[in-house]
Amino acid sequence: MKSSKKLFLFAAALFFLVMIYLGYDISRKTTFPGSRPQLKERIEQDFTTKDSVVVDSVRQN
């Protein structure tokens, strides 16, 4: 084999290894879409129990 062909095969193998590692890394940080409750249910849970307006900032005493 010529040295240019060896260099190409080495670069291709390195590229595929990096792509496999990145795919694995990204897949560990994401969740399956079906495992989370639907958006409407999440919004109701997050915002119905909390009052975001604790102090009236417009009213002057």
PDB file of N, CA and C in Angstrom:
ATOM      1  N   MET A   1       0.837  -1.180   0.000  1.00  0.00           N
ATOM      2  CA  MET A   1       0.000   0.000   0.000  1.00  0.00           C
ATOM      3  C   MET A   1       0.874   1.232   0.000  1.00  0.00           C
ATOM      4  N   LYS A   2       0.418   2.228  -0.718  1.00  0.00           N
ATOM      5  CA  LYS A   2       1.133   3.499  -0.720  1.00  0.00           C
ATOM      6  C   LYS A   2       0.903   4.221   0.596  1.00  0.00           C
ATOM      7  N   SER A   3       1.814   5.098   0.909  1.00  0.00           N
ATOM      8  CA  SER A   3       1.700   5.829   2.177  1.00  0.00           C
ATOM      9  C   SER A   3       0.492   6.767   2.175  1.00  0.00           C
ATOM     10  N   SER A   4       0.115   7.293   1.015  1.00  0.00           N
ATOM     11  CA  SER A   4      -1.056   8.171   0.971  1.00  0.00           C
ATOM     12  C   SER A   4      -2.335   7.392   1.268  1.00  0.00           C
ATOM     13  N   LYS A   5      -2.394   6.140   0.824  1.00  0.00           N
ATOM     14  CA  LYS A   5      -3.556   5.312   1.106  1.00  0.00           C
ATOM     15  C   LYS A   5      -3.610   4.955   2.591  1.00  0.00           C
ATOM     16  N   LYS A   6      -2.477   4.680   3.192  1.00  0.00           N
ATOM     17  CA  LYS A   6      -2.418   4.393   4.625  1.00  0.00           C
ATOM     18  C   LYS A   6      -2.854   5.611   5.435  1.00  0.00           C
ATOM     19  N   LEU A   7      -2.392   6.778   5.023  1.00  0.00           N
ATOM     20  CA  LEU A   7      -2.766   8.011   5.711  1.00  0.00           C
ATOM     21  C   LEU A   7      -4.267   8.254   5.603  1.00  0.00           C
ATOM     22  N   PHE A   8      -4.842   8.017   4.426  1.00  0.00           N
ATOM     23  CA  PHE A   8      -6.279   8.192   4.239  1.00  0.00           C
ATOM     24  C   PHE A   8      -7.061   7.216   5.116  1.00  0.00           C
ATOM     25  N   LEU A   9      -6.671   5.956   5.164  1.00  0.00           N
ATOM     26  CA  LEU A   9      -7.362   4.975   5.995  1.00  0.00           C
ATOM     27  C   LEU A   9      -7.253   5.321   7.478  1.00  0.00           C
ATOM     28  N   PHE A  10      -6.104   5.810   7.902  1.00  0.00           N
ATOM     29  CA  PHE A  10      -5.933   6.234   9.291  1.00  0.00           C
ATOM     30  C   PHE A  10      -6.846   7.418   9.604  1.00  0.00           C
ATOM     31  N   ALA A  11      -6.890   8.403   8.710  1.00  0.00           N
ATOM     32  CA  ALA A  11      -7.746   9.580   8.916  1.00  0.00           C
ATOM     33  C   ALA A  11      -9.220   9.183   8.920  1.00  0.00           C
ATOM     34  N   ALA A  12      -9.615   8.278   8.029  1.00  0.00           N
ATOM     35  CA  ALA A  12     -11.005   7.828   7.983  1.00  0.00           C
ATOM     36  C   ALA A  12     -11.379   7.086   9.262  1.00  0.00           C
ATOM     37  N   ALA A  13     -10.510   6.215   9.735  1.00  0.00           N
ATOM     38  CA  ALA A  13     -10.773   5.484  10.978  1.00  0.00           C
ATOM     39  C   ALA A  13     -10.869   6.441  12.158  1.00  0.00           C
ATOM     40  N   LEU A  14      -9.990   7.412  12.219  1.00  0.00           N
ATOM     41  CA  LEU A  14     -10.027   8.407  13.286  1.00  0.00           C
ATOM     42  C   LEU A  14     -11.323   9.214  13.232  1.00  0.00           C
ATOM     43  N   PHE A  15     -11.744   9.602  12.040  1.00  0.00           N
ATOM     44  CA  PHE A  15     -12.978  10.360  11.861  1.00  0.00           C
ATOM     45  C   PHE A  15     -14.170   9.552  12.374  1.00  0.00           C
ATOM     46  N   PHE A  16     -14.259   8.275  11.990  1.00  0.00           N
ATOM     47  CA  PHE A  16     -15.379   7.450  12.427  1.00  0.00           C
ATOM     48  C   PHE A  16     -15.362   7.236  13.935  1.00  0.00           C
ATOM     49  N   LEU A  17     -14.204   7.080  14.522  1.00  0.00           N
ATOM     50  CA  LEU A  17     -14.131   6.926  15.975  1.00  0.00           C
ATOM     51  C   LEU A  17     -14.603   8.189  16.693  1.00  0.00           C
ATOM     52  N   VAL A  18     -14.226   9.343  16.177  1.00  0.00           N
ATOM     53  CA  VAL A  18     -14.668  10.608  16.778  1.00  0.00           C
ATOM     54  C   VAL A  18     -16.172  10.765  16.629  1.00  0.00           C
ATOM     55  N   MET A  19     -16.736  10.409  15.470  1.00  0.00           N
ATOM     56  CA  MET A  19     -18.182  10.505  15.251  1.00  0.00           C
ATOM     57  C   MET A  19     -18.947   9.549  16.177  1.00  0.00           C
ATOM     58  N   ILE A  20     -18.434   8.355  16.372  1.00  0.00           N
ATOM     59  CA  ILE A  20     -19.075   7.407  17.277  1.00  0.00           C
ATOM     60  C   ILE A  20     -19.047   7.932  18.708  1.00  0.00           C
ATOM     61  N   TYR A  21     -17.914   8.487  19.114  1.00  0.00           N
ATOM     62  CA  TYR A  21     -17.811   9.052  20.468  1.00  0.00           C
ATOM     63  C   TYR A  21     -18.772  10.225  20.646  1.00  0.00           C
ATOM     64  N   LEU A  22     -18.853  11.119  19.676  1.00  0.00           N
ATOM     65  CA  LEU A  22     -19.767  12.260  19.788  1.00  0.00           C
ATOM     66  C   LEU A  22     -21.223  11.807  19.845  1.00  0.00           C
ATOM     67  N   GLY A  23     -21.588  10.835  19.036  1.00  0.00           N
ATOM     68  CA  GLY A  23     -22.949  10.306  19.076  1.00  0.00           C
ATOM     69  C   GLY A  23     -23.279   9.697  20.425  1.00  0.00           C
ATOM     70  N   TYR A  24     -22.348   8.962  20.990  1.00  0.00           N
ATOM     71  CA  TYR A  24     -22.549   8.367  22.308  1.00  0.00           C
ATOM     72  C   TYR A  24     -22.676   9.446  23.379  1.00  0.00           C
ATOM     73  N   ASP A  25     -21.829  10.462  23.322  1.00  0.00           N
ATOM     74  CA  ASP A  25     -21.845  11.539  24.300  1.00  0.00           C
ATOM     75  C   ASP A  25     -23.154  12.315  24.238  1.00  0.00           C
ATOM     76  N   ILE A  26     -23.609  12.636  23.053  1.00  0.00           N
ATOM     77  CA  ILE A  26     -24.859  13.380  22.900  1.00  0.00           C
ATOM     78  C   ILE A  26     -26.038  12.536  23.360  1.00  0.00           C
ATOM     79  N   SER A  27     -26.031  11.252  23.051  1.00  0.00           N
ATOM     80  CA  SER A  27     -27.157  10.397  23.434  1.00  0.00           C
ATOM     81  C   SER A  27     -27.253  10.225  24.947  1.00  0.00           C
ATOM     82  N   ARG A  28     -26.169  10.326  25.661  1.00  0.00           N
ATOM     83  CA  ARG A  28     -26.213  10.217  27.126  1.00  0.00           C
ATOM     84  C   ARG A  28     -26.825  11.453  27.765  1.00  0.00           C
ATOM     85  N   LYS A  29     -26.734  12.602  27.096  1.00  0.00           N
ATOM     86  CA  LYS A  29     -27.208  13.854  27.681  1.00  0.00           C
ATOM     87  C   LYS A  29     -28.641  14.194  27.307  1.00  0.00           C
ATOM     88  N   THR A  30     -29.274  13.395  26.472  1.00  0.00           N
ATOM     89  CA  THR A  30     -30.652  13.670  26.073  1.00  0.00           C
ATOM     90  C   THR A  30     -31.559  12.570  26.610  1.00  0.00           C
ATOM     91  N   THR A  31     -32.849  12.876  26.677  1.00  0.00           N
ATOM     92  CA  THR A  31     -33.822  11.903  27.135  1.00  0.00           C
ATOM     93  C   THR A  31     -34.722  11.499  25.977  1.00  0.00           C
ATOM     94  N   PHE A  32     -35.295  10.332  26.085  1.00  0.00           N
ATOM     95  CA  PHE A  32     -36.233   9.854  25.088  1.00  0.00           C
ATOM     96  C   PHE A  32     -37.491  10.709  25.152  1.00  0.00           C
ATOM     97  N   PRO A  33     -37.981  11.221  24.029  1.00  0.00           N
ATOM     98  CA  PRO A  33     -39.143  12.126  24.054  1.00  0.00           C
ATOM     99  C   PRO A  33     -40.384  11.506  24.692  1.00  0.00           C
ATOM    100  N   GLY A  34     -40.564  10.221  24.596  1.00  0.00           N
ATOM    101  CA  GLY A  34     -41.741   9.588  25.180  1.00  0.00           C
ATOM    102  C   GLY A  34     -41.670   9.419  26.680  1.00  0.00           C
ATOM    103  N   SER A  35     -40.520   9.640  27.278  1.00  0.00           N
ATOM    104  CA  SER A  35     -40.388   9.435  28.717  1.00  0.00           C
ATOM    105  C   SER A  35     -40.794  10.657  29.532  1.00  0.00           C
ATOM    106  N   ARG A  36     -40.997  11.784  28.882  1.00  0.00           N
ATOM    107  CA  ARG A  36     -41.400  12.994  29.594  1.00  0.00           C
ATOM    108  C   ARG A  36     -42.884  13.245  29.388  1.00  0.00           C
ATOM    109  N   PRO A  37     -43.557  13.879  30.369  1.00  0.00           N
ATOM    110  CA  PRO A  37     -44.971  14.207  30.174  1.00  0.00           C
ATOM    111  C   PRO A  37     -45.121  15.250  29.061  1.00  0.00           C
ATOM    112  N   GLN A  38     -46.312  15.356  28.561  1.00  0.00           N
ATOM    113  CA  GLN A  38     -46.565  16.282  27.460  1.00  0.00           C
ATOM    114  C   GLN A  38     -46.378  17.725  27.911  1.00  0.00           C
ATOM    115  N   LEU A  39     -46.164  18.624  26.954  1.00  0.00           N
ATOM    116  CA  LEU A  39     -45.850  20.025  27.239  1.00  0.00           C
ATOM    117  C   LEU A  39     -46.952  20.699  28.042  1.00  0.00           C
ATOM    118  N   LYS A  40     -48.203  20.480  27.681  1.00  0.00           N
ATOM    119  CA  LYS A  40     -49.312  21.124  28.391  1.00  0.00           C
ATOM    120  C   LYS A  40     -49.323  20.714  29.857  1.00  0.00           C
ATOM    121  N   GLU A  41     -49.085  19.447  30.133  1.00  0.00           N
ATOM    122  CA  GLU A  41     -49.065  18.968  31.511  1.00  0.00           C
ATOM    123  C   GLU A  41     -47.887  19.539  32.280  1.00  0.00           C
ATOM    124  N   ARG A  42     -46.732  19.666  31.629  1.00  0.00           N
ATOM    125  CA  ARG A  42     -45.560  20.237  32.303  1.00  0.00           C
ATOM    126  C   ARG A  42     -45.782  21.699  32.627  1.00  0.00           C
ATOM    127  N   ILE A  43     -46.392  22.439  31.718  1.00  0.00           N
ATOM    128  CA  ILE A  43     -46.646  23.863  31.961  1.00  0.00           C
ATOM    129  C   ILE A  43     -47.611  24.023  33.130  1.00  0.00           C
ATOM    130  N   GLU A  44     -48.663  23.219  33.155  1.00  0.00           N
ATOM    131  CA  GLU A  44     -49.625  23.313  34.261  1.00  0.00           C
ATOM    132  C   GLU A  44     -48.963  22.996  35.595  1.00  0.00           C
ATOM    133  N   GLN A  45     -48.100  21.999  35.637  1.00  0.00           N
ATOM    134  CA  GLN A  45     -47.432  21.640  36.887  1.00  0.00           C
ATOM    135  C   GLN A  45     -46.460  22.722  37.331  1.00  0.00           C
ATOM    136  N   ASP A  46     -45.744  23.313  36.381  1.00  0.00           N
ATOM    137  CA  ASP A  46     -44.714  24.288  36.734  1.00  0.00           C
ATOM    138  C   ASP A  46     -45.285  25.635  37.144  1.00  0.00           C
ATOM    139  N   PHE A  47     -46.378  26.079  36.521  1.00  0.00           N
ATOM    140  CA  PHE A  47     -46.805  27.459  36.709  1.00  0.00           C
ATOM    141  C   PHE A  47     -48.103  27.636  37.476  1.00  0.00           C
ATOM    142  N   THR A  48     -48.863  26.607  37.699  1.00  0.00           N
ATOM    143  CA  THR A  48     -50.111  26.802  38.434  1.00  0.00           C
ATOM    144  C   THR A  48     -49.880  26.869  39.933  1.00  0.00           C
ATOM    145  N   THR A  49     -48.856  26.218  40.427  1.00  0.00           N
ATOM    146  CA  THR A  49     -48.630  26.212  41.877  1.00  0.00           C
ATOM    147  C   THR A  49     -47.749  27.373  42.331  1.00  0.00           C
ATOM    148  N   LYS A  50     -47.050  27.999  41.417  1.00  0.00           N
ATOM    149  CA  LYS A  50     -46.142  29.076  41.787  1.00  0.00           C
ATOM    150  C   LYS A  50     -46.738  30.426  41.407  1.00  0.00           C
ATOM    151  N   ASP A  51     -46.610  31.392  42.280  1.00  0.00           N
ATOM    152  CA  ASP A  51     -47.048  32.748  41.984  1.00  0.00           C
ATOM    153  C   ASP A  51     -45.812  33.574  41.663  1.00  0.00           C
ATOM    154  N   SER A  52     -45.726  34.046  40.443  1.00  0.00           N
ATOM    155  CA  SER A  52     -44.528  34.771  40.035  1.00  0.00           C
ATOM    156  C   SER A  52     -44.543  36.225  40.495  1.00  0.00           C
ATOM    157  N   VAL A  53     -45.721  36.735  40.902  1.00  0.00           N
ATOM    158  CA  VAL A  53     -45.802  38.122  41.341  1.00  0.00           C
ATOM    159  C   VAL A  53     -45.960  38.119  42.855  1.00  0.00           C
ATOM    160  N   VAL A  54     -44.857  38.272  43.544  1.00  0.00           N
ATOM    161  CA  VAL A  54     -44.880  38.263  44.995  1.00  0.00           C
ATOM    162  C   VAL A  54     -45.019  39.688  45.523  1.00  0.00           C
ATOM    163  N   VAL A  55     -44.304  40.624  44.914  1.00  0.00           N
ATOM    164  CA  VAL A  55     -44.330  42.014  45.338  1.00  0.00           C
ATOM    165  C   VAL A  55     -44.780  42.863  44.163  1.00  0.00           C
ATOM    166  N   ASP A  56     -45.686  43.799  44.424  1.00  0.00           N
ATOM    167  CA  ASP A  56     -46.158  44.714  43.385  1.00  0.00           C
ATOM    168  C   ASP A  56     -45.121  45.798  43.215  1.00  0.00           C
ATOM    169  N   SER A  57     -44.403  45.778  42.107  1.00  0.00           N
ATOM    170  CA  SER A  57     -43.307  46.720  41.905  1.00  0.00           C
ATOM    171  C   SER A  57     -43.791  48.076  41.386  1.00  0.00           C
ATOM    172  N   VAL A  58     -45.037  48.179  40.949  1.00  0.00           N
ATOM    173  CA  VAL A  58     -45.536  49.428  40.377  1.00  0.00           C
ATOM    174  C   VAL A  58     -46.132  50.321  41.460  1.00  0.00           C
ATOM    175  N   ARG A  59     -46.731  49.741  42.443  1.00  0.00           N
ATOM    176  CA  ARG A  59     -47.408  50.508  43.489  1.00  0.00           C
ATOM    177  C   ARG A  59     -46.395  51.205  44.395  1.00  0.00           C
ATOM    178  N   GLN A  60     -46.619  52.478  44.636  1.00  0.00           N
ATOM    179  CA  GLN A  60     -45.754  53.262  45.529  1.00  0.00           C
ATOM    180  C   GLN A  60     -46.454  53.428  46.867  1.00  0.00           C
ATOM    181  N   ASN A  61     -45.720  53.286  47.954  1.00  0.00           N
ATOM    182  CA  ASN A  61     -46.294  53.456  49.303  1.00  0.00           C
ATOM    183  C   ASN A  61     -46.171  54.868  49.758  1.00  0.00           C
TER     184      ASN A  61
END
